[in-house]
Amino acid sequence: YGILALLLGRGLYGLVGLLPMLIGASWG
């Protein structure tokens, strides 16, 4: 249940916010 909470909360932010940040950093 805790792993599911991690994926749905922080994991969703990682998909929407952190992956684009990684792409932006490489382009930068």
mmCIF file of all heavy atoms, coordinates in Angstrom:
data_MODEL
# 
_entry.id   MODEL 
# 
loop_
_atom_site.group_PDB 
_atom_site.id 
_atom_site.type_symbol 
_atom_site.label_atom_id 
_atom_site.label_alt_id 
_atom_site.label_comp_id 
_atom_site.label_asym_id 
_atom_site.label_entity_id 
_atom_site.label_seq_id 
_atom_site.pdbx_PDB_ins_code 
_atom_site.Cartn_x 
_atom_site.Cartn_y 
_atom_site.Cartn_z 
_atom_site.occupancy 
_atom_site.B_iso_or_equiv 
_atom_site.pdbx_formal_charge 
_atom_site.auth_seq_id 
_atom_site.auth_comp_id 
_atom_site.auth_asym_id 
_atom_site.auth_atom_id 
_atom_site.pdbx_PDB_model_num 
ATOM 1   N N   . TYR A 1 1  ? 0.833  -1.201 0.000   1.00 0.00 ? 1  TYR A N   1 
ATOM 2   C CA  . TYR A 1 1  ? 0.000  0.000  0.000   1.00 0.00 ? 1  TYR A CA  1 
ATOM 3   C C   . TYR A 1 1  ? 0.869  1.253  0.000   1.00 0.00 ? 1  TYR A C   1 
ATOM 4   O O   . TYR A 1 1  ? 0.564  2.241  -0.658  1.00 0.00 ? 1  TYR A O   1 
ATOM 5   C CB  . TYR A 1 1  ? -0.899 -0.032 1.242   1.00 0.00 ? 1  TYR A CB  1 
ATOM 6   C CG  . TYR A 1 1  ? -2.171 0.771  1.149   1.00 0.00 ? 1  TYR A CG  1 
ATOM 7   C CD1 . TYR A 1 1  ? -3.168 0.431  0.247   1.00 0.00 ? 1  TYR A CD1 1 
ATOM 8   C CD2 . TYR A 1 1  ? -2.381 1.854  2.001   1.00 0.00 ? 1  TYR A CD2 1 
ATOM 9   C CE1 . TYR A 1 1  ? -4.343 1.160  0.187   1.00 0.00 ? 1  TYR A CE1 1 
ATOM 10  C CE2 . TYR A 1 1  ? -3.560 2.578  1.950   1.00 0.00 ? 1  TYR A CE2 1 
ATOM 11  C CZ  . TYR A 1 1  ? -4.539 2.227  1.036   1.00 0.00 ? 1  TYR A CZ  1 
ATOM 12  O OH  . TYR A 1 1  ? -5.701 2.949  0.979   1.00 0.00 ? 1  TYR A OH  1 
ATOM 13  N N   . GLY A 1 2  ? 1.983  1.202  0.732   1.00 0.00 ? 2  GLY A N   1 
ATOM 14  C CA  . GLY A 1 2  ? 2.898  2.330  0.766   1.00 0.00 ? 2  GLY A CA  1 
ATOM 15  C C   . GLY A 1 2  ? 3.609  2.534  -0.560  1.00 0.00 ? 2  GLY A C   1 
ATOM 16  O O   . GLY A 1 2  ? 3.849  3.672  -0.980  1.00 0.00 ? 2  GLY A O   1 
ATOM 17  N N   . ILE A 1 3  ? 3.945  1.450  -1.238  1.00 0.00 ? 3  ILE A N   1 
ATOM 18  C CA  . ILE A 1 3  ? 4.576  1.557  -2.557  1.00 0.00 ? 3  ILE A CA  1 
ATOM 19  C C   . ILE A 1 3  ? 3.602  2.157  -3.555  1.00 0.00 ? 3  ILE A C   1 
ATOM 20  O O   . ILE A 1 3  ? 3.964  3.007  -4.385  1.00 0.00 ? 3  ILE A O   1 
ATOM 21  C CB  . ILE A 1 3  ? 5.065  0.177  -3.024  1.00 0.00 ? 3  ILE A CB  1 
ATOM 22  C CG1 . ILE A 1 3  ? 6.195  -0.314 -2.101  1.00 0.00 ? 3  ILE A CG1 1 
ATOM 23  C CG2 . ILE A 1 3  ? 5.539  0.219  -4.466  1.00 0.00 ? 3  ILE A CG2 1 
ATOM 24  C CD1 . ILE A 1 3  ? 6.620  -1.737 -2.363  1.00 0.00 ? 3  ILE A CD1 1 
ATOM 25  N N   . LEU A 1 4  ? 2.328  1.738  -3.477  1.00 0.00 ? 4  LEU A N   1 
ATOM 26  C CA  . LEU A 1 4  ? 1.305  2.317  -4.352  1.00 0.00 ? 4  LEU A CA  1 
ATOM 27  C C   . LEU A 1 4  ? 1.160  3.810  -4.091  1.00 0.00 ? 4  LEU A C   1 
ATOM 28  O O   . LEU A 1 4  ? 1.047  4.612  -5.034  1.00 0.00 ? 4  LEU A O   1 
ATOM 29  C CB  . LEU A 1 4  ? -0.024 1.606  -4.124  1.00 0.00 ? 4  LEU A CB  1 
ATOM 30  C CG  . LEU A 1 4  ? -1.207 2.100  -4.962  1.00 0.00 ? 4  LEU A CG  1 
ATOM 31  C CD1 . LEU A 1 4  ? -0.933 1.905  -6.446  1.00 0.00 ? 4  LEU A CD1 1 
ATOM 32  C CD2 . LEU A 1 4  ? -2.494 1.378  -4.554  1.00 0.00 ? 4  LEU A CD2 1 
ATOM 33  N N   . ALA A 1 5  ? 1.177  4.208  -2.817  1.00 0.00 ? 5  ALA A N   1 
ATOM 34  C CA  . ALA A 1 5  ? 1.086  5.629  -2.479  1.00 0.00 ? 5  ALA A CA  1 
ATOM 35  C C   . ALA A 1 5  ? 2.274  6.395  -3.044  1.00 0.00 ? 5  ALA A C   1 
ATOM 36  O O   . ALA A 1 5  ? 2.118  7.527  -3.537  1.00 0.00 ? 5  ALA A O   1 
ATOM 37  C CB  . ALA A 1 5  ? 1.018  5.791  -0.955  1.00 0.00 ? 5  ALA A CB  1 
ATOM 38  N N   . LEU A 1 6  ? 3.453  5.802  -2.999  1.00 0.00 ? 6  LEU A N   1 
ATOM 39  C CA  . LEU A 1 6  ? 4.643  6.446  -3.557  1.00 0.00 ? 6  LEU A CA  1 
ATOM 40  C C   . LEU A 1 6  ? 4.492  6.656  -5.062  1.00 0.00 ? 6  LEU A C   1 
ATOM 41  O O   . LEU A 1 6  ? 4.780  7.738  -5.582  1.00 0.00 ? 6  LEU A O   1 
ATOM 42  C CB  . LEU A 1 6  ? 5.876  5.587  -3.268  1.00 0.00 ? 6  LEU A CB  1 
ATOM 43  C CG  . LEU A 1 6  ? 7.172  5.995  -3.978  1.00 0.00 ? 6  LEU A CG  1 
ATOM 44  C CD1 . LEU A 1 6  ? 7.650  7.355  -3.486  1.00 0.00 ? 6  LEU A CD1 1 
ATOM 45  C CD2 . LEU A 1 6  ? 8.254  4.935  -3.751  1.00 0.00 ? 6  LEU A CD2 1 
ATOM 46  N N   . LEU A 1 7  ? 4.044  5.651  -5.764  1.00 0.00 ? 7  LEU A N   1 
ATOM 47  C CA  . LEU A 1 7  ? 3.907  5.748  -7.221  1.00 0.00 ? 7  LEU A CA  1 
ATOM 48  C C   . LEU A 1 7  ? 2.853  6.770  -7.619  1.00 0.00 ? 7  LEU A C   1 
ATOM 49  O O   . LEU A 1 7  ? 3.042  7.534  -8.575  1.00 0.00 ? 7  LEU A O   1 
ATOM 50  C CB  . LEU A 1 7  ? 3.547  4.371  -7.797  1.00 0.00 ? 7  LEU A CB  1 
ATOM 51  C CG  . LEU A 1 7  ? 4.617  3.286  -7.672  1.00 0.00 ? 7  LEU A CG  1 
ATOM 52  C CD1 . LEU A 1 7  ? 4.080  1.947  -8.159  1.00 0.00 ? 7  LEU A CD1 1 
ATOM 53  C CD2 . LEU A 1 7  ? 5.869  3.681  -8.442  1.00 0.00 ? 7  LEU A CD2 1 
ATOM 54  N N   . LEU A 1 8  ? 1.751  6.808  -6.888  1.00 0.00 ? 8  LEU A N   1 
ATOM 55  C CA  . LEU A 1 8  ? 0.655  7.703  -7.252  1.00 0.00 ? 8  LEU A CA  1 
ATOM 56  C C   . LEU A 1 8  ? 0.926  9.151  -6.875  1.00 0.00 ? 8  LEU A C   1 
ATOM 57  O O   . LEU A 1 8  ? 0.400  10.068 -7.515  1.00 0.00 ? 8  LEU A O   1 
ATOM 58  C CB  . LEU A 1 8  ? -0.638 7.242  -6.564  1.00 0.00 ? 8  LEU A CB  1 
ATOM 59  C CG  . LEU A 1 8  ? -1.198 5.903  -7.030  1.00 0.00 ? 8  LEU A CG  1 
ATOM 60  C CD1 . LEU A 1 8  ? -2.331 5.456  -6.126  1.00 0.00 ? 8  LEU A CD1 1 
ATOM 61  C CD2 . LEU A 1 8  ? -1.681 5.997  -8.475  1.00 0.00 ? 8  LEU A CD2 1 
ATOM 62  N N   . GLY A 1 9  ? 1.728  9.366  -5.851  1.00 0.00 ? 9  GLY A N   1 
ATOM 63  C CA  . GLY A 1 9  ? 2.043  10.721 -5.424  1.00 0.00 ? 9  GLY A CA  1 
ATOM 64  C C   . GLY A 1 9  ? 3.339  11.214 -6.019  1.00 0.00 ? 9  GLY A C   1 
ATOM 65  O O   . GLY A 1 9  ? 3.368  11.905 -7.038  1.00 0.00 ? 9  GLY A O   1 
ATOM 66  N N   . ARG A 1 10 ? 4.437  10.838 -5.417  1.00 0.00 ? 10 ARG A N   1 
ATOM 67  C CA  . ARG A 1 10 ? 5.752  11.286 -5.885  1.00 0.00 ? 10 ARG A CA  1 
ATOM 68  C C   . ARG A 1 10 ? 6.071  10.745 -7.277  1.00 0.00 ? 10 ARG A C   1 
ATOM 69  O O   . ARG A 1 10 ? 6.732  11.405 -8.081  1.00 0.00 ? 10 ARG A O   1 
ATOM 70  C CB  . ARG A 1 10 ? 6.807  10.869 -4.879  1.00 0.00 ? 10 ARG A CB  1 
ATOM 71  C CG  . ARG A 1 10 ? 6.655  11.574 -3.523  1.00 0.00 ? 10 ARG A CG  1 
ATOM 72  C CD  . ARG A 1 10 ? 7.521  10.923 -2.466  1.00 0.00 ? 10 ARG A CD  1 
ATOM 73  N NE  . ARG A 1 10 ? 7.517  11.660 -1.215  1.00 0.00 ? 10 ARG A NE  1 
ATOM 74  C CZ  . ARG A 1 10 ? 6.664  11.411 -0.206  1.00 0.00 ? 10 ARG A CZ  1 
ATOM 75  N NH1 . ARG A 1 10 ? 5.734  10.481 -0.341  1.00 0.00 ? 10 ARG A NH1 1 
ATOM 76  N NH2 . ARG A 1 10 ? 6.727  12.131 0.909   1.00 0.00 ? 10 ARG A NH2 1 
ATOM 77  N N   . GLY A 1 11 ? 5.612  9.529  -7.576  1.00 0.00 ? 11 GLY A N   1 
ATOM 78  C CA  . GLY A 1 11 ? 5.870  8.958  -8.894  1.00 0.00 ? 11 GLY A CA  1 
ATOM 79  C C   . GLY A 1 11 ? 5.210  9.743  -10.007 1.00 0.00 ? 11 GLY A C   1 
ATOM 80  O O   . GLY A 1 11 ? 5.803  9.961  -11.074 1.00 0.00 ? 11 GLY A O   1 
ATOM 81  N N   . LEU A 1 12 ? 3.973  10.179 -9.766  1.00 0.00 ? 12 LEU A N   1 
ATOM 82  C CA  . LEU A 1 12 ? 3.269  10.968 -10.778 1.00 0.00 ? 12 LEU A CA  1 
ATOM 83  C C   . LEU A 1 12 ? 3.967  12.305 -11.001 1.00 0.00 ? 12 LEU A C   1 
ATOM 84  O O   . LEU A 1 12 ? 4.117  12.758 -12.150 1.00 0.00 ? 12 LEU A O   1 
ATOM 85  C CB  . LEU A 1 12 ? 1.813  11.198 -10.352 1.00 0.00 ? 12 LEU A CB  1 
ATOM 86  C CG  . LEU A 1 12 ? 0.946  11.957 -11.351 1.00 0.00 ? 12 LEU A CG  1 
ATOM 87  C CD1 . LEU A 1 12 ? 0.833  11.196 -12.670 1.00 0.00 ? 12 LEU A CD1 1 
ATOM 88  C CD2 . LEU A 1 12 ? -0.448 12.218 -10.772 1.00 0.00 ? 12 LEU A CD2 1 
ATOM 89  N N   . TYR A 1 13 ? 4.427  12.929 -9.925  1.00 0.00 ? 13 TYR A N   1 
ATOM 90  C CA  . TYR A 1 13 ? 5.181  14.171 -10.076 1.00 0.00 ? 13 TYR A CA  1 
ATOM 91  C C   . TYR A 1 13 ? 6.477  13.919 -10.843 1.00 0.00 ? 13 TYR A C   1 
ATOM 92  O O   . TYR A 1 13 ? 6.893  14.737 -11.679 1.00 0.00 ? 13 TYR A O   1 
ATOM 93  C CB  . TYR A 1 13 ? 5.510  14.798 -8.722  1.00 0.00 ? 13 TYR A CB  1 
ATOM 94  C CG  . TYR A 1 13 ? 6.236  16.115 -8.869  1.00 0.00 ? 13 TYR A CG  1 
ATOM 95  C CD1 . TYR A 1 13 ? 5.527  17.295 -9.028  1.00 0.00 ? 13 TYR A CD1 1 
ATOM 96  C CD2 . TYR A 1 13 ? 7.630  16.166 -8.892  1.00 0.00 ? 13 TYR A CD2 1 
ATOM 97  C CE1 . TYR A 1 13 ? 6.190  18.499 -9.199  1.00 0.00 ? 13 TYR A CE1 1 
ATOM 98  C CE2 . TYR A 1 13 ? 8.301  17.366 -9.072  1.00 0.00 ? 13 TYR A CE2 1 
ATOM 99  C CZ  . TYR A 1 13 ? 7.574  18.529 -9.216  1.00 0.00 ? 13 TYR A CZ  1 
ATOM 100 O OH  . TYR A 1 13 ? 8.232  19.716 -9.404  1.00 0.00 ? 13 TYR A OH  1 
ATOM 101 N N   . GLY A 1 14 ? 7.119  12.792 -10.580 1.00 0.00 ? 14 GLY A N   1 
ATOM 102 C CA  . GLY A 1 14 ? 8.345  12.466 -11.302 1.00 0.00 ? 14 GLY A CA  1 
ATOM 103 C C   . GLY A 1 14 ? 8.107  12.364 -12.794 1.00 0.00 ? 14 GLY A C   1 
ATOM 104 O O   . GLY A 1 14 ? 8.912  12.845 -13.605 1.00 0.00 ? 14 GLY A O   1 
ATOM 105 N N   . LEU A 1 15 ? 6.984  11.733 -13.162 1.00 0.00 ? 15 LEU A N   1 
ATOM 106 C CA  . LEU A 1 15 ? 6.668  11.587 -14.582 1.00 0.00 ? 15 LEU A CA  1 
ATOM 107 C C   . LEU A 1 15 ? 6.403  12.933 -15.234 1.00 0.00 ? 15 LEU A C   1 
ATOM 108 O O   . LEU A 1 15 ? 6.919  13.229 -16.326 1.00 0.00 ? 15 LEU A O   1 
ATOM 109 C CB  . LEU A 1 15 ? 5.441  10.679 -14.736 1.00 0.00 ? 15 LEU A CB  1 
ATOM 110 C CG  . LEU A 1 15 ? 4.871  10.554 -16.155 1.00 0.00 ? 15 LEU A CG  1 
ATOM 111 C CD1 . LEU A 1 15 ? 5.857  9.841  -17.066 1.00 0.00 ? 15 LEU A CD1 1 
ATOM 112 C CD2 . LEU A 1 15 ? 3.531  9.823  -16.126 1.00 0.00 ? 15 LEU A CD2 1 
ATOM 113 N N   . VAL A 1 16 ? 5.613  13.757 -14.581 1.00 0.00 ? 16 VAL A N   1 
ATOM 114 C CA  . VAL A 1 16 ? 5.155  15.016 -15.182 1.00 0.00 ? 16 VAL A CA  1 
ATOM 115 C C   . VAL A 1 16 ? 6.172  16.138 -15.015 1.00 0.00 ? 16 VAL A C   1 
ATOM 116 O O   . VAL A 1 16 ? 6.294  17.005 -15.896 1.00 0.00 ? 16 VAL A O   1 
ATOM 117 C CB  . VAL A 1 16 ? 3.797  15.422 -14.562 1.00 0.00 ? 16 VAL A CB  1 
ATOM 118 C CG1 . VAL A 1 16 ? 3.365  16.800 -15.045 1.00 0.00 ? 16 VAL A CG1 1 
ATOM 119 C CG2 . VAL A 1 16 ? 2.738  14.387 -14.915 1.00 0.00 ? 16 VAL A CG2 1 
ATOM 120 N N   . GLY A 1 17 ? 6.930  16.150 -13.897 1.00 0.00 ? 17 GLY A N   1 
ATOM 121 C CA  . GLY A 1 17 ? 7.827  17.258 -13.625 1.00 0.00 ? 17 GLY A CA  1 
ATOM 122 C C   . GLY A 1 17 ? 9.311  16.958 -13.746 1.00 0.00 ? 17 GLY A C   1 
ATOM 123 O O   . GLY A 1 17 ? 10.069 17.745 -14.310 1.00 0.00 ? 17 GLY A O   1 
ATOM 124 N N   . LEU A 1 18 ? 9.729  15.800 -13.238 1.00 0.00 ? 18 LEU A N   1 
ATOM 125 C CA  . LEU A 1 18 ? 11.165 15.519 -13.188 1.00 0.00 ? 18 LEU A CA  1 
ATOM 126 C C   . LEU A 1 18 ? 11.717 14.989 -14.507 1.00 0.00 ? 18 LEU A C   1 
ATOM 127 O O   . LEU A 1 18 ? 12.840 15.345 -14.891 1.00 0.00 ? 18 LEU A O   1 
ATOM 128 C CB  . LEU A 1 18 ? 11.463 14.534 -12.059 1.00 0.00 ? 18 LEU A CB  1 
ATOM 129 C CG  . LEU A 1 18 ? 11.136 15.036 -10.639 1.00 0.00 ? 18 LEU A CG  1 
ATOM 130 C CD1 . LEU A 1 18 ? 11.561 14.006 -9.608  1.00 0.00 ? 18 LEU A CD1 1 
ATOM 131 C CD2 . LEU A 1 18 ? 11.794 16.382 -10.356 1.00 0.00 ? 18 LEU A CD2 1 
ATOM 132 N N   . LEU A 1 19 ? 10.974 14.148 -15.201 1.00 0.00 ? 19 LEU A N   1 
ATOM 133 C CA  . LEU A 1 19 ? 11.453 13.688 -16.506 1.00 0.00 ? 19 LEU A CA  1 
ATOM 134 C C   . LEU A 1 19 ? 11.609 14.848 -17.497 1.00 0.00 ? 19 LEU A C   1 
ATOM 135 O O   . LEU A 1 19 ? 12.628 14.939 -18.188 1.00 0.00 ? 19 LEU A O   1 
ATOM 136 C CB  . LEU A 1 19 ? 10.536 12.608 -17.057 1.00 0.00 ? 19 LEU A CB  1 
ATOM 137 C CG  . LEU A 1 19 ? 10.699 11.209 -16.435 1.00 0.00 ? 19 LEU A CG  1 
ATOM 138 C CD1 . LEU A 1 19 ? 9.741  10.220 -17.084 1.00 0.00 ? 19 LEU A CD1 1 
ATOM 139 C CD2 . LEU A 1 19 ? 12.122 10.723 -16.554 1.00 0.00 ? 19 LEU A CD2 1 
ATOM 140 N N   . PRO A 1 20 ? 10.623 15.760 -17.595 1.00 0.00 ? 20 PRO A N   1 
ATOM 141 C CA  . PRO A 1 20 ? 10.855 16.940 -18.430 1.00 0.00 ? 20 PRO A CA  1 
ATOM 142 C C   . PRO A 1 20 ? 12.050 17.773 -17.960 1.00 0.00 ? 20 PRO A C   1 
ATOM 143 O O   . PRO A 1 20 ? 12.753 18.371 -18.784 1.00 0.00 ? 20 PRO A O   1 
ATOM 144 C CB  . PRO A 1 20 ? 9.549  17.732 -18.298 1.00 0.00 ? 20 PRO A CB  1 
ATOM 145 C CG  . PRO A 1 20 ? 8.520  16.696 -18.017 1.00 0.00 ? 20 PRO A CG  1 
ATOM 146 C CD  . PRO A 1 20 ? 9.222  15.692 -17.152 1.00 0.00 ? 20 PRO A CD  1 
ATOM 147 N N   . MET A 1 21 ? 12.303 17.797 -16.651 1.00 0.00 ? 21 MET A N   1 
ATOM 148 C CA  . MET A 1 21 ? 13.460 18.533 -16.138 1.00 0.00 ? 21 MET A CA  1 
ATOM 149 C C   . MET A 1 21 ? 14.758 17.891 -16.618 1.00 0.00 ? 21 MET A C   1 
ATOM 150 O O   . MET A 1 21 ? 15.708 18.604 -16.994 1.00 0.00 ? 21 MET A O   1 
ATOM 151 C CB  . MET A 1 21 ? 13.415 18.564 -14.604 1.00 0.00 ? 21 MET A CB  1 
ATOM 152 C CG  . MET A 1 21 ? 14.416 19.531 -13.980 1.00 0.00 ? 21 MET A CG  1 
ATOM 153 S SD  . MET A 1 21 ? 14.280 19.556 -12.153 1.00 0.00 ? 21 MET A SD  1 
ATOM 154 C CE  . MET A 1 21 ? 12.622 20.204 -11.954 1.00 0.00 ? 21 MET A CE  1 
ATOM 155 N N   . LEU A 1 22 ? 14.822 16.573 -16.629 1.00 0.00 ? 22 LEU A N   1 
ATOM 156 C CA  . LEU A 1 22 ? 16.004 15.881 -17.138 1.00 0.00 ? 22 LEU A CA  1 
ATOM 157 C C   . LEU A 1 22 ? 16.225 16.188 -18.619 1.00 0.00 ? 22 LEU A C   1 
ATOM 158 O O   . LEU A 1 22 ? 17.360 16.441 -19.054 1.00 0.00 ? 22 LEU A O   1 
ATOM 159 C CB  . LEU A 1 22 ? 15.852 14.373 -16.947 1.00 0.00 ? 22 LEU A CB  1 
ATOM 160 C CG  . LEU A 1 22 ? 15.898 13.847 -15.508 1.00 0.00 ? 22 LEU A CG  1 
ATOM 161 C CD1 . LEU A 1 22 ? 15.560 12.362 -15.478 1.00 0.00 ? 22 LEU A CD1 1 
ATOM 162 C CD2 . LEU A 1 22 ? 17.260 14.092 -14.897 1.00 0.00 ? 22 LEU A CD2 1 
ATOM 163 N N   . ILE A 1 23 ? 15.122 16.183 -19.366 1.00 0.00 ? 23 ILE A N   1 
ATOM 164 C CA  . ILE A 1 23 ? 15.229 16.504 -20.789 1.00 0.00 ? 23 ILE A CA  1 
ATOM 165 C C   . ILE A 1 23 ? 15.690 17.938 -20.978 1.00 0.00 ? 23 ILE A C   1 
ATOM 166 O O   . ILE A 1 23 ? 16.582 18.238 -21.787 1.00 0.00 ? 23 ILE A O   1 
ATOM 167 C CB  . ILE A 1 23 ? 13.876 16.260 -21.490 1.00 0.00 ? 23 ILE A CB  1 
ATOM 168 C CG1 . ILE A 1 23 ? 13.558 14.761 -21.497 1.00 0.00 ? 23 ILE A CG1 1 
ATOM 169 C CG2 . ILE A 1 23 ? 13.894 16.812 -22.916 1.00 0.00 ? 23 ILE A CG2 1 
ATOM 170 C CD1 . ILE A 1 23 ? 12.154 14.441 -21.960 1.00 0.00 ? 23 ILE A CD1 1 
ATOM 171 N N   . GLY A 1 24 ? 15.088 18.849 -20.209 1.00 0.00 ? 24 GLY A N   1 
ATOM 172 C CA  . GLY A 1 24 ? 15.486 20.252 -20.300 1.00 0.00 ? 24 GLY A CA  1 
ATOM 173 C C   . GLY A 1 24 ? 16.941 20.459 -19.954 1.00 0.00 ? 24 GLY A C   1 
ATOM 174 O O   . GLY A 1 24 ? 17.647 21.243 -20.610 1.00 0.00 ? 24 GLY A O   1 
ATOM 175 N N   . ALA A 1 25 ? 17.428 19.752 -18.934 1.00 0.00 ? 25 ALA A N   1 
ATOM 176 C CA  . ALA A 1 25 ? 18.833 19.894 -18.544 1.00 0.00 ? 25 ALA A CA  1 
ATOM 177 C C   . ALA A 1 25 ? 19.763 19.413 -19.652 1.00 0.00 ? 25 ALA A C   1 
ATOM 178 O O   . ALA A 1 25 ? 20.785 20.054 -19.946 1.00 0.00 ? 25 ALA A O   1 
ATOM 179 C CB  . ALA A 1 25 ? 19.092 19.120 -17.252 1.00 0.00 ? 25 ALA A CB  1 
ATOM 180 N N   . SER A 1 26 ? 19.416 18.297 -20.282 1.00 0.00 ? 26 SER A N   1 
ATOM 181 C CA  . SER A 1 26 ? 20.274 17.796 -21.369 1.00 0.00 ? 26 SER A CA  1 
ATOM 182 C C   . SER A 1 26 ? 20.278 18.757 -22.549 1.00 0.00 ? 26 SER A C   1 
ATOM 183 O O   . SER A 1 26 ? 21.322 18.981 -23.178 1.00 0.00 ? 26 SER A O   1 
ATOM 184 C CB  . SER A 1 26 ? 19.800 16.407 -21.805 1.00 0.00 ? 26 SER A CB  1 
ATOM 185 O OG  . SER A 1 26 ? 18.521 16.466 -22.427 1.00 0.00 ? 26 SER A OG  1 
ATOM 186 N N   . TRP A 1 27 ? 19.123 19.340 -22.844 1.00 0.00 ? 27 TRP A N   1 
ATOM 187 C CA  . TRP A 1 27 ? 19.065 20.330 -23.923 1.00 0.00 ? 27 TRP A CA  1 
ATOM 188 C C   . TRP A 1 27 ? 19.820 21.600 -23.547 1.00 0.00 ? 27 TRP A C   1 
ATOM 189 O O   . TRP A 1 27 ? 20.460 22.232 -24.378 1.00 0.00 ? 27 TRP A O   1 
ATOM 190 C CB  . TRP A 1 27 ? 17.622 20.655 -24.281 1.00 0.00 ? 27 TRP A CB  1 
ATOM 191 C CG  . TRP A 1 27 ? 16.913 19.524 -24.978 1.00 0.00 ? 27 TRP A CG  1 
ATOM 192 C CD1 . TRP A 1 27 ? 17.467 18.352 -25.405 1.00 0.00 ? 27 TRP A CD1 1 
ATOM 193 C CD2 . TRP A 1 27 ? 15.532 19.462 -25.312 1.00 0.00 ? 27 TRP A CD2 1 
ATOM 194 N NE1 . TRP A 1 27 ? 16.524 17.553 -25.995 1.00 0.00 ? 27 TRP A NE1 1 
ATOM 195 C CE2 . TRP A 1 27 ? 15.314 18.207 -25.958 1.00 0.00 ? 27 TRP A CE2 1 
ATOM 196 C CE3 . TRP A 1 27 ? 14.454 20.313 -25.130 1.00 0.00 ? 27 TRP A CE3 1 
ATOM 197 C CZ2 . TRP A 1 27 ? 14.065 17.816 -26.425 1.00 0.00 ? 27 TRP A CZ2 1 
ATOM 198 C CZ3 . TRP A 1 27 ? 13.196 19.935 -25.605 1.00 0.00 ? 27 TRP A CZ3 1 
ATOM 199 C CH2 . TRP A 1 27 ? 13.013 18.694 -26.238 1.00 0.00 ? 27 TRP A CH2 1 
ATOM 200 N N   . GLY A 1 28 ? 19.721 21.984 -22.278 1.00 0.00 ? 28 GLY A N   1 
ATOM 201 C CA  . GLY A 1 28 ? 20.428 23.171 -21.816 1.00 0.00 ? 28 GLY A CA  1 
ATOM 202 C C   . GLY A 1 28 ? 21.928 23.040 -21.958 1.00 0.00 ? 28 GLY A C   1 
ATOM 203 O O   . GLY A 1 28 ? 22.631 24.012 -22.285 1.00 0.00 ? 28 GLY A O   1 
# 
